[in-house]
């Protein structure tokens, strides 16, 4: 995720101290999560605050902003480890992956962009299991 922040200003002015206080308190309440600081010049208050925005860099991050978080274990190309009797070894934390350089993937790791590209292209379809 690329995150950017920048400074913003809001000016509150009034003709009386009471009016300035009410307007300033209302504005500070609106900006409470943006770390406001206030400077005064007579009956003028200058509020300095910080705005921030973030944008996804990868396809996986783009899906994550929509609430879709997949792990390597969710990928149809993930090959789990097997016991000698042929059943899946639930204790194993690793498995095989044709897309990784090492051909191994941690099953709880965030799925790579290759899975999301295939989802977008329609090459792969995932279905939810309700347990």
Protein backbone atom coordinates (compact mmCIF):
# COMPACT_ATOMS: atom_id res chain seq x y z
CA UNK A 1 0.00 0.00 0.00
CA UNK A 2 1.26 3.45 -0.85
CA UNK A 3 0.38 5.91 1.91
CA UNK A 4 0.57 9.66 1.50
CA UNK A 5 -0.16 12.38 4.01
CA UNK A 6 -0.37 16.11 3.57
CA UNK A 7 -1.13 19.18 5.66
CA UNK A 8 -4.46 20.95 5.45
CA UNK A 9 -5.76 24.10 7.13
CA UNK A 10 -9.15 25.29 8.32
CA UNK A 11 -9.84 28.86 9.40
CA UNK A 12 -12.49 29.72 11.94
CA UNK A 13 -13.31 33.36 12.58
CA UNK A 14 -16.02 34.98 14.63
CA UNK A 15 -17.04 38.36 16.02
CA UNK A 16 -17.16 37.24 19.67
CA UNK A 17 -15.20 34.90 21.92
CA UNK A 18 -18.31 32.82 22.64
CA UNK A 19 -19.07 32.34 18.93
CA UNK A 20 -15.42 31.51 18.17
CA UNK A 21 -15.37 28.92 20.96
CA UNK A 22 -18.52 27.20 19.69
CA UNK A 23 -17.39 27.15 16.05
CA UNK A 24 -13.86 26.07 16.97
CA UNK A 25 -15.08 23.24 19.21
CA UNK A 26 -17.39 21.98 16.47
CA UNK A 27 -14.60 22.05 13.89
CA UNK A 28 -12.12 20.35 16.25
CA UNK A 29 -14.69 17.63 16.91
CA UNK A 30 -14.98 17.01 13.14
CA UNK A 31 -11.18 16.85 12.80
CA UNK A 32 -10.51 14.88 16.01
CA UNK A 33 -8.93 11.90 14.19
CA UNK A 34 -6.63 14.10 12.11
CA UNK A 35 -4.32 15.44 14.84
CA UNK A 36 -5.40 19.10 14.75
CA UNK A 37 -3.31 21.93 16.20
CA UNK A 38 -4.67 25.44 16.69
CA UNK A 39 -3.04 28.87 16.56
CA UNK A 40 -4.87 32.11 17.31
CA UNK A 41 -4.73 35.67 15.98
CA UNK A 42 -7.33 37.67 17.80
CA UNK A 43 -10.73 36.18 16.99
CA UNK A 44 -9.35 34.05 14.18
CA UNK A 45 -8.31 30.44 14.80
CA UNK A 46 -6.14 28.59 12.31
CA UNK A 47 -6.43 24.81 12.55
CA UNK A 48 -3.67 22.75 11.00
CA UNK A 49 -4.43 19.06 10.48
CA UNK A 50 -3.21 16.08 8.51
CA UNK A 51 -5.04 14.29 5.71
CA UNK A 52 -3.85 10.89 4.56
CA UNK A 53 -4.73 8.60 1.73
CA UNK A 54 -3.59 5.18 0.67
CA UNK A 55 -3.69 3.37 -2.64
CA UNK A 56 -3.09 -0.32 -3.35
CA UNK A 57 0.16 -1.20 -5.12
CA UNK A 58 -0.63 -4.79 -5.99
CA UNK A 59 -3.65 -6.78 -7.07
CA UNK A 60 -3.65 -8.60 -3.72
CA UNK A 61 -3.84 -5.26 -1.89
CA UNK A 62 -6.65 -4.14 -4.17
CA UNK A 63 -8.65 -7.24 -3.23
CA UNK A 64 -7.77 -6.72 0.46
CA UNK A 65 -9.34 -3.24 0.38
CA UNK A 66 -12.57 -4.98 -0.67
CA UNK A 67 -12.27 -7.43 2.24
CA UNK A 68 -10.89 -10.41 0.30
CA UNK A 69 -7.88 -11.89 2.05
CA UNK A 70 -6.64 -15.17 0.65
CA UNK A 71 -3.73 -17.30 1.84
CA UNK A 72 -1.56 -19.72 -0.09
CA UNK A 73 -3.62 -22.55 1.38
CA UNK A 74 -6.69 -21.13 -0.43
CA UNK A 75 -4.95 -21.38 -3.82
CA UNK A 76 -5.88 -24.38 -5.99
CA UNK A 77 -2.20 -24.74 -6.96
CA UNK A 78 -1.04 -25.16 -3.35
CA UNK A 79 0.16 -28.72 -2.72
CA UNK A 80 -0.10 -29.71 0.95
CA UNK A 81 2.38 -32.04 2.65
CA UNK A 82 1.26 -35.65 2.99
CA UNK A 83 1.93 -38.27 5.65
CA UNK A 84 3.27 -41.69 4.75
CA UNK A 85 -0.31 -43.09 4.87
CA UNK A 86 -1.37 -40.65 2.12
CA UNK A 87 -3.44 -38.25 4.24
CA UNK A 88 -2.79 -34.52 4.45
CA UNK A 89 -0.36 -33.65 7.24
CA UNK A 90 -2.28 -31.01 9.23
CA UNK A 91 0.84 -30.26 11.30
CA UNK A 92 2.86 -29.07 8.29
CA UNK A 93 3.12 -25.32 7.87
CA UNK A 94 4.57 -25.51 4.37
CA UNK A 95 3.45 -26.84 1.05
CA UNK A 96 4.39 -26.82 -2.60
CA UNK A 97 3.78 -23.88 -4.92
CA UNK A 98 4.60 -23.83 -8.65
CA UNK A 99 4.74 -20.02 -8.72
CA UNK A 100 7.31 -19.42 -5.98
CA UNK A 101 11.00 -19.36 -6.75
CA UNK A 102 11.75 -21.87 -3.98
CA UNK A 103 8.68 -24.00 -4.92
CA UNK A 104 7.65 -23.87 -1.24
CA UNK A 105 5.05 -21.66 0.39
CA UNK A 106 3.93 -21.07 3.95
CA UNK A 107 0.28 -22.07 3.94
CA UNK A 108 -0.78 -19.05 6.03
CA UNK A 109 1.13 -16.54 3.88
CA UNK A 110 -0.76 -13.94 1.85
CA UNK A 111 -1.58 -15.32 -1.58
CA UNK A 112 0.54 -13.95 -4.41
CA UNK A 113 -0.67 -11.76 -7.25
CA UNK A 114 -0.64 -14.75 -9.61
CA UNK A 115 -3.76 -16.16 -7.90
CA UNK A 116 -5.53 -12.80 -8.11
CA UNK A 117 -4.57 -12.40 -11.79
CA UNK A 118 -6.06 -15.82 -12.53
CA UNK A 119 -9.20 -14.86 -10.59
CA UNK A 120 -9.54 -11.70 -12.68
CA UNK A 121 -8.97 -13.61 -15.94
CA UNK A 122 -11.49 -16.28 -15.01
CA UNK A 123 -8.84 -19.03 -15.10
CA UNK A 124 -9.53 -19.82 -11.44
CA UNK A 125 -12.80 -19.73 -9.56
CA UNK A 126 -13.05 -20.08 -5.82
CA UNK A 127 -16.07 -21.19 -3.86
CA UNK A 128 -16.78 -20.72 -0.18
CA UNK A 129 -17.30 -23.64 2.12
CA UNK A 130 -19.68 -23.09 5.01
CA UNK A 131 -18.68 -25.03 8.07
